[in-house]
Amino acid sequence: MINQQLDEMNAEQPLLEVRTLNKFYEDFQLRDVNFTLPAGTIMGFLGRNGAGKSTTMKAIMDLIKPDDGIIRILGMSMPEEEVAVKEQVGYVGDTPLLNNAWTMERTLTFARHFYPNWDQAAVERNLKRFEIPKDKKISELSKGMKVKASLIVAMAHQPKLLLLDEPTSGLDPVVRGEVLELLIDFVQDESRGVLFSSHITSDVEKIADWVTVIDDGEIFFSEDKESLLDRYRRIVLSGNGHEATMNSPYLFNCQPTKGGYVGYTDHYDEFRKEAAGEWNSERLTLEELFVLLTGRKEE
């Protein structure tokens, strides 16, 4: 009954809302962080090391106290409704918080007492999927298996929202692929969603529907991935006579190259309507776009 009511709520409101979130440290500030995660969405939370990804995640989970701001999960406020919220959230931090002296079976037995919606059948399926033995101690698992074990625990109580802080960092490509496939499967139920922070842009590009970039404690942009990659393009101008085009308000970072010029546009539809001469456009990878925009911000 509770899950049915939550599904009805999710159809009307986002899974996660972060509004004007601030956290001030002596050497770092998280300033007016705003973004929204709709149901049925995987959001990649991108940023360089030290940009504020982990601080934001920990504030959402009430592991650190924000100085200001509003955080709502399924319409419920943190920390006022913390218990109800955490029954609907699965969280994996940047360091897996598993007891190395325990076996996987003891870990699961301990965790299931805290959640009324524990799904043992799903746990067994994921243990088999990832080939994780229940009788092995956590200390005997590889780094990749520890991450997968943490995900199994985080998903065992059928959460609506997964919050993952750098889940694929330091993993080999095969294990990263397995983790990403699990996240895709998770959101097949469109009442669910995933927020995962990363500095691995290829992982975000592979599975994310939405991209949010944080830089130096501030949200740089938060946008649908396909719209973002359609709007930004590399523009290659061939030959001469491009003075008017190079002065277009829709072109930036235009530089001479052998045989012409190369620039970038953040309004591709508007640019192509007015561009003259010989030119062509190239779609950017998310990594190229991330480097371009964070570099442009510093300039």
Protein backbone atom coordinates (compact mmCIF):
# COMPACT_ATOMS: atom_id res chain seq x y z
CA MET A 1 0.00 0.00 0.00
CA ILE A 2 2.82 2.40 0.90
CA ASN A 3 4.66 1.71 -2.35
CA GLN A 4 1.44 2.22 -4.34
CA GLN A 5 0.94 5.61 -2.70
CA LEU A 6 4.58 6.53 -3.43
CA ASP A 7 4.17 5.55 -7.10
CA GLU A 8 1.16 7.86 -7.35
CA MET A 9 3.15 10.65 -5.71
CA ASN A 10 6.11 10.11 -8.05
CA ALA A 11 3.89 10.67 -11.08
CA GLU A 12 3.28 14.19 -9.81
CA GLN A 13 6.63 15.23 -8.33
CA PRO A 14 10.35 14.66 -8.79
CA LEU A 15 12.19 12.02 -6.80
CA LEU A 16 14.78 14.50 -5.60
CA GLU A 17 14.79 18.29 -5.28
CA VAL A 18 17.81 20.25 -4.11
CA ARG A 19 17.25 23.98 -3.66
CA THR A 20 19.79 26.69 -2.73
CA LEU A 21 21.98 24.19 -0.90
CA ASN A 22 24.94 25.85 0.83
CA LYS A 23 27.78 24.44 2.89
CA PHE A 24 30.73 26.56 3.96
CA TYR A 25 34.14 25.26 4.97
CA GLU A 26 37.29 27.24 5.55
CA ASP A 27 38.82 26.16 2.24
CA PHE A 28 35.72 25.24 0.21
CA GLN A 29 32.17 26.49 -0.34
CA LEU A 30 29.14 24.76 -1.77
CA ARG A 31 27.08 27.67 -3.12
CA ASP A 32 23.39 27.73 -4.09
CA VAL A 33 23.28 24.20 -5.50
CA ASN A 34 20.03 23.60 -7.40
CA PHE A 35 18.89 20.59 -9.40
CA THR A 36 15.91 18.24 -9.77
CA LEU A 37 15.85 14.51 -10.52
CA PRO A 38 12.65 13.29 -12.22
CA ALA A 39 11.37 9.75 -11.75
CA GLY A 40 12.57 7.25 -14.34
CA THR A 41 15.83 9.13 -14.80
CA ILE A 42 19.52 8.33 -14.41
CA MET A 43 21.37 11.56 -13.66
CA GLY A 44 25.12 11.73 -14.02
CA PHE A 45 26.61 14.17 -11.52
CA LEU A 46 29.90 15.25 -13.08
CA GLY A 47 32.74 17.26 -11.65
CA ARG A 48 36.47 17.30 -11.19
CA ASN A 49 37.97 15.96 -7.97
CA GLY A 50 37.18 18.45 -5.23
CA ALA A 51 34.36 20.12 -7.18
CA GLY A 52 31.73 19.36 -4.51
CA LYS A 53 30.14 16.09 -5.64
CA SER A 54 30.70 14.15 -2.39
CA THR A 55 29.77 17.15 -0.24
CA THR A 56 26.46 17.45 -2.08
CA MET A 57 25.77 13.72 -1.78
CA LYS A 58 26.52 13.68 1.95
CA ALA A 59 24.29 16.72 2.49
CA ILE A 60 21.43 14.97 0.68
CA MET A 61 21.87 11.95 2.97
CA ASP A 62 22.16 14.21 6.06
CA LEU A 63 25.65 12.86 6.74
CA ILE A 64 26.77 16.48 6.97
CA LYS A 65 24.60 19.41 8.01
CA PRO A 66 24.05 22.05 5.30
CA ASP A 67 24.29 25.70 6.32
CA ASP A 68 21.26 26.52 4.21
CA GLY A 69 18.94 25.03 1.62
CA ILE A 70 16.04 22.66 1.06
CA ILE A 71 16.30 18.94 0.23
CA ARG A 72 13.20 16.92 -0.61
CA ILE A 73 13.10 13.23 -1.49
CA LEU A 74 9.74 11.96 -2.79
CA GLY A 75 8.28 15.18 -1.45
CA MET A 76 9.59 14.49 2.06
CA SER A 77 12.03 16.84 3.74
CA MET A 78 15.43 16.00 5.11
CA PRO A 79 16.20 15.80 7.99
CA GLU A 80 12.67 16.23 9.37
CA GLU A 81 11.41 12.95 7.85
CA GLU A 82 14.75 11.15 7.82
CA VAL A 83 13.50 7.66 8.73
CA ALA A 84 10.76 7.64 6.09
CA VAL A 85 13.15 9.07 3.50
CA LYS A 86 15.91 6.55 4.13
CA GLU A 87 13.46 3.68 3.75
CA GLN A 88 13.14 4.82 0.12
CA VAL A 89 16.82 5.57 -0.58
CA GLY A 90 19.75 3.30 -1.32
CA TYR A 91 23.15 4.92 -0.78
CA VAL A 92 26.69 3.87 -1.64
CA GLY A 93 29.37 6.32 -0.57
CA ASP A 94 32.76 6.95 -2.11
CA THR A 95 34.16 4.29 0.28
CA PRO A 96 32.05 1.12 0.72
CA LEU A 97 30.89 0.98 4.35
CA LEU A 98 31.00 -2.78 4.86
CA ASN A 99 32.41 -4.58 7.87
CA ASN A 100 35.48 -6.41 6.54
CA ALA A 101 35.28 -9.03 9.32
CA TRP A 102 31.75 -10.10 8.36
CA THR A 103 30.69 -12.48 5.62
CA MET A 104 28.27 -11.30 2.97
CA GLU A 105 25.55 -13.44 4.54
CA ARG A 106 26.01 -11.85 7.97
CA THR A 107 26.03 -8.39 6.36
CA LEU A 108 22.70 -9.04 4.64
CA THR A 109 21.16 -10.62 7.75
CA PHE A 110 22.12 -7.56 9.80
CA ALA A 111 20.88 -5.04 7.21
CA ARG A 112 17.49 -6.64 6.55
CA HIS A 113 16.29 -5.91 10.12
CA PHE A 114 16.21 -2.17 9.35
CA TYR A 115 13.94 -2.32 6.28
CA PRO A 116 10.31 -3.51 6.11
CA ASN A 117 10.45 -3.78 2.29
CA TRP A 118 13.45 -6.14 2.12
CA ASP A 119 13.36 -8.25 -1.07
CA GLN A 120 15.33 -11.43 -0.42
CA ALA A 121 14.51 -12.86 -3.86
CA ALA A 122 16.13 -9.82 -5.51
CA VAL A 123 19.14 -10.19 -3.23
CA GLU A 124 19.59 -13.81 -4.27
CA ARG A 125 19.29 -12.90 -7.97
CA ASN A 126 21.93 -10.18 -7.67
CA LEU A 127 24.30 -12.40 -5.67
CA LYS A 128 24.07 -14.95 -8.46
CA ARG A 129 24.36 -12.29 -11.16
CA PHE A 130 27.58 -10.90 -9.67
CA GLU A 131 28.90 -14.30 -8.49
CA ILE A 132 29.39 -13.10 -4.91
CA PRO A 133 29.63 -15.99 -2.41
CA LYS A 134 27.69 -15.44 0.80
CA ASP A 135 30.22 -17.31 2.94
CA LYS A 136 33.23 -15.13 2.03
CA LYS A 137 34.36 -12.33 4.31
CA ILE A 138 34.13 -8.83 2.88
CA SER A 139 37.90 -8.50 3.35
CA GLU A 140 38.39 -11.37 0.91
CA LEU A 141 36.47 -9.66 -1.90
CA SER A 142 38.15 -7.63 -4.64
CA LYS A 143 37.47 -3.90 -4.90
CA GLY A 144 35.03 -4.48 -7.72
CA MET A 145 33.17 -7.17 -5.77
CA LYS A 146 32.96 -4.88 -2.72
CA VAL A 147 31.30 -2.21 -4.85
CA LYS A 148 28.84 -4.75 -6.24
CA ALA A 149 28.20 -6.08 -2.73
CA SER A 150 27.46 -2.54 -1.55
CA LEU A 151 25.01 -2.09 -4.42
CA ILE A 152 23.23 -5.34 -3.54
CA VAL A 153 22.75 -4.12 0.05
CA ALA A 154 21.66 -0.65 -1.13
CA MET A 155 19.03 -2.09 -3.48
CA ALA A 156 17.74 -4.91 -1.24
CA HIS A 157 14.94 -2.86 0.34
CA GLN A 158 13.43 -1.80 -3.03
CA PRO A 159 14.35 1.88 -2.81
CA LYS A 160 12.88 4.43 -5.17
CA LEU A 161 16.12 6.42 -5.33
CA LEU A 162 19.73 5.30 -5.57
CA LEU A 163 22.46 7.77 -4.57
CA LEU A 164 25.89 6.57 -5.65
CA ASP A 165 29.09 8.50 -5.01
CA GLU A 166 31.78 7.55 -7.58
CA PRO A 167 30.57 3.92 -7.80
CA THR A 168 32.79 3.02 -10.79
CA SER A 169 35.97 4.87 -9.77
CA GLY A 170 39.03 2.64 -9.89
CA LEU A 171 37.19 -0.34 -11.37
CA ASP A 172 38.23 -2.18 -14.50
CA PRO A 173 36.06 -1.74 -17.64
CA VAL A 174 34.35 -5.13 -17.27
CA VAL A 175 33.19 -4.48 -13.69
CA ARG A 176 32.21 -0.91 -14.57
CA GLY A 177 30.05 -2.27 -17.37
CA GLU A 178 28.33 -4.70 -14.99
CA VAL A 179 27.57 -1.91 -12.52
CA LEU A 180 26.18 0.34 -15.26
CA GLU A 181 23.95 -2.45 -16.58
CA LEU A 182 22.53 -2.91 -13.08
CA LEU A 183 21.62 0.78 -12.91
CA ILE A 184 19.90 0.63 -16.29
CA ASP A 185 17.87 -2.36 -15.10
CA PHE A 186 16.97 -0.52 -11.88
CA VAL A 187 15.21 2.35 -13.68
CA GLN A 188 13.17 0.10 -15.96
CA ASP A 189 10.58 0.69 -13.25
CA GLU A 190 9.98 4.32 -14.15
CA SER A 191 8.98 5.24 -10.61
CA ARG A 192 12.68 4.91 -9.68
CA GLY A 193 15.73 7.05 -10.33
CA VAL A 194 19.50 7.18 -9.91
CA LEU A 195 21.87 9.99 -9.05
CA PHE A 196 25.47 8.90 -9.48
CA SER A 197 28.47 11.16 -9.18
CA SER A 198 31.52 10.52 -11.32
CA HIS A 199 34.49 12.06 -13.03
CA ILE A 200 34.39 9.29 -15.67
CA THR A 201 32.47 11.05 -18.44
CA SER A 202 32.26 7.94 -20.64
CA ASP A 203 30.21 6.14 -17.97
CA VAL A 204 27.83 9.08 -17.71
CA GLU A 205 27.50 9.36 -21.49
CA LYS A 206 26.75 5.65 -21.75
CA ILE A 207 23.74 5.48 -19.42
CA ALA A 208 22.64 8.90 -18.15
CA ASP A 209 19.46 10.62 -19.32
CA TRP A 210 20.36 13.86 -17.55
CA VAL A 211 23.70 15.53 -16.85
CA THR A 212 24.44 17.88 -13.96
CA VAL A 213 27.91 19.44 -13.77
CA ILE A 214 29.32 20.99 -10.61
CA ASP A 215 32.51 23.05 -10.66
CA ASP A 216 34.17 24.78 -7.71
CA GLY A 217 31.10 24.27 -5.53
CA GLU A 218 28.56 25.66 -8.00
CA ILE A 219 26.20 24.00 -10.46
CA PHE A 220 27.42 24.84 -13.94
CA PHE A 221 24.48 23.32 -15.78
CA SER A 222 21.80 20.64 -15.35
CA GLU A 223 20.20 19.49 -18.59
CA ASP A 224 18.84 16.59 -20.59
CA LYS A 225 21.89 14.84 -22.10
CA GLU A 226 20.65 14.57 -25.67
CA SER A 227 19.48 18.20 -25.78
CA LEU A 228 22.84 19.25 -24.41
CA LEU A 229 24.85 17.31 -26.99
CA ASP A 230 22.58 18.55 -29.79
CA ARG A 231 22.95 22.18 -28.76
CA TYR A 232 26.76 22.25 -28.51
CA ARG A 233 28.76 21.49 -31.68
CA ARG A 234 32.27 21.89 -33.01
CA ILE A 235 32.17 24.04 -36.14
CA VAL A 236 34.83 23.59 -38.82
CA LEU A 237 35.10 26.51 -41.29
CA SER A 238 36.86 25.69 -44.57
CA GLY A 239 38.80 28.14 -46.75
CA ASN A 240 38.56 31.93 -46.51
CA GLY A 241 35.84 34.57 -46.32
CA HIS A 242 34.41 33.64 -42.94
CA GLU A 243 34.64 37.06 -41.29
CA ALA A 244 30.87 37.42 -40.84
CA THR A 245 30.45 33.87 -39.59
CA MET A 246 33.35 34.18 -37.15
CA ASN A 247 31.67 37.23 -35.62
CA SER A 248 28.45 35.34 -35.02
CA PRO A 249 27.16 35.67 -31.44
CA TYR A 250 26.54 31.93 -31.59
CA LEU A 251 30.21 31.04 -32.13
CA PHE A 252 32.95 31.05 -29.49
CA ASN A 253 36.57 29.91 -29.05
CA CYS A 254 37.17 30.33 -32.79
CA GLN A 255 40.80 29.57 -33.68
CA PRO A 256 42.73 29.40 -36.99
CA THR A 257 43.76 25.98 -38.24
CA LYS A 258 45.47 24.67 -41.33
CA GLY A 259 43.00 25.41 -44.09
CA GLY A 260 40.42 27.36 -42.09
CA TYR A 261 39.07 27.82 -38.57
CA VAL A 262 37.58 25.77 -35.76
CA GLY A 263 35.10 27.12 -33.23
CA TYR A 264 32.22 26.01 -31.03
CA THR A 265 28.56 26.91 -30.76
CA ASP A 266 26.12 26.50 -27.89
CA HIS A 267 23.14 27.39 -30.12
CA TYR A 268 23.56 25.09 -33.09
CA ASP A 269 20.07 25.56 -34.57
CA GLU A 270 20.43 29.34 -34.53
CA PHE A 271 24.00 29.21 -35.87
CA ARG A 272 23.24 27.07 -38.90
CA LYS A 273 20.40 29.39 -40.00
CA GLU A 274 22.76 32.33 -40.40
CA ALA A 275 26.18 30.73 -41.15
CA ALA A 276 27.66 31.45 -44.59
CA GLY A 277 30.44 29.85 -46.63
CA GLU A 278 31.73 26.31 -46.39
CA TRP A 279 31.44 24.72 -42.96
CA ASN A 280 30.44 21.52 -41.22
CA SER A 281 29.57 20.54 -37.68
CA GLU A 282 30.83 17.75 -35.43
CA ARG A 283 29.00 16.35 -32.45
CA LEU A 284 31.08 16.45 -29.25
CA THR A 285 31.53 13.63 -26.80
CA LEU A 286 30.44 14.41 -23.25
CA GLU A 287 34.10 14.42 -22.19
CA GLU A 288 35.00 16.99 -24.86
CA LEU A 289 32.05 19.13 -23.82
CA PHE A 290 32.93 18.88 -20.13
CA VAL A 291 36.53 19.99 -20.78
CA LEU A 292 35.38 22.77 -23.10
CA LEU A 293 32.83 24.24 -20.73
CA THR A 294 34.78 23.99 -17.49
CA GLY A 295 37.77 25.53 -19.29
CA ARG A 296 35.58 28.29 -20.70
CA LYS A 297 34.21 29.01 -17.21
CA GLU A 298 37.75 29.50 -15.89
CA GLU A 299 38.51 31.93 -18.72
